[in-house]
Amino acid sequence: MSEERFIDLESRMAHQDQLLNELNDVVTGQQAKIMQLDELCKSLIARIRSLSDAIPAAGSADERPPHY
């Protein structure tokens, strides 16, 4: 194998290592954001449930007034 070809392979490998590290950082950041959004969704669901429990029954609001 010629030295020029060996240098080219080493250069490609170094670039691929750098790219792999950058992609790993992106995936790690995305996973952290996903976890954060998941917690936010859970807290919003809990809040909506607690608010819906505090609101009086909606059955009376759907009834027709007596003059119909």
Protein backbone atom coordinates (compact mmCIF):
# COMPACT_ATOMS: atom_id res chain seq x y z
CA MET A 1 0.00 0.00 0.00
CA SER A 2 1.42 3.35 -0.96
CA GLU A 3 2.08 5.96 1.70
CA GLU A 4 -0.22 8.43 -0.04
CA ARG A 5 -3.11 6.00 0.10
CA PHE A 6 -2.37 5.23 3.75
CA ILE A 7 -2.46 8.96 4.59
CA ASP A 8 -5.76 9.31 2.72
CA LEU A 9 -7.29 6.45 4.73
CA GLU A 10 -6.07 7.94 8.01
CA SER A 11 -7.53 11.30 7.03
CA ARG A 12 -10.90 9.75 6.19
CA MET A 13 -10.92 7.85 9.45
CA ALA A 14 -10.18 11.02 11.42
CA HIS A 15 -13.05 12.85 9.68
CA GLN A 16 -15.41 9.96 10.34
CA ASP A 17 -14.43 9.92 14.01
CA GLN A 18 -15.12 13.63 14.25
CA LEU A 19 -18.46 13.23 12.48
CA LEU A 20 -19.40 10.33 14.75
CA ASN A 21 -18.65 12.42 17.85
CA GLU A 22 -20.70 15.33 16.51
CA LEU A 23 -23.63 13.04 15.71
CA ASN A 24 -23.39 11.50 19.17
CA ASP A 25 -23.60 14.98 20.71
CA VAL A 26 -26.68 15.77 18.63
CA VAL A 27 -28.41 12.51 19.57
CA THR A 28 -27.57 13.03 23.24
CA GLY A 29 -29.02 16.55 23.11
CA GLN A 30 -32.15 15.31 21.38
CA GLN A 31 -32.65 12.60 23.99
CA ALA A 32 -32.35 15.16 26.77
CA LYS A 33 -34.92 17.38 25.03
CA ILE A 34 -37.27 14.43 24.53
CA MET A 35 -37.07 13.58 28.22
CA GLN A 36 -37.73 17.22 29.14
CA LEU A 37 -40.76 17.38 26.83
CA ASP A 38 -42.04 14.06 28.18
CA GLU A 39 -41.95 15.43 31.73
CA LEU A 40 -43.70 18.59 30.57
CA CYS A 41 -46.46 16.57 28.90
CA LYS A 42 -46.95 14.49 32.04
CA SER A 43 -47.24 17.60 34.20
CA LEU A 44 -49.68 19.20 31.74
CA ILE A 45 -51.84 16.07 31.71
CA ALA A 46 -51.88 16.03 35.50
CA ARG A 47 -52.83 19.70 35.60
CA ILE A 48 -55.62 19.25 33.06
CA ARG A 49 -56.99 16.32 35.04
CA SER A 50 -56.94 18.32 38.26
CA LEU A 51 -58.67 21.26 36.56
CA SER A 52 -61.32 19.01 35.06
CA ASP A 53 -62.01 17.57 38.52
CA ALA A 54 -62.48 21.10 39.87
CA ILE A 55 -65.01 22.09 37.19
CA PRO A 56 -68.66 21.24 38.00
CA ALA A 57 -70.30 18.48 36.01
CA ALA A 58 -70.79 19.53 32.40
CA GLY A 59 -73.96 17.46 32.04
CA SER A 60 -76.17 20.34 33.14
CA ALA A 61 -74.54 22.68 30.62
CA ASP A 62 -75.50 20.37 27.74
CA GLU A 63 -79.17 20.19 28.68
CA ARG A 64 -81.70 22.19 26.72
CA PRO A 65 -83.32 25.09 28.46
CA PRO A 66 -86.96 24.43 29.50
CA HIS A 67 -88.41 26.78 26.86
CA TYR A 68 -87.33 24.49 23.96
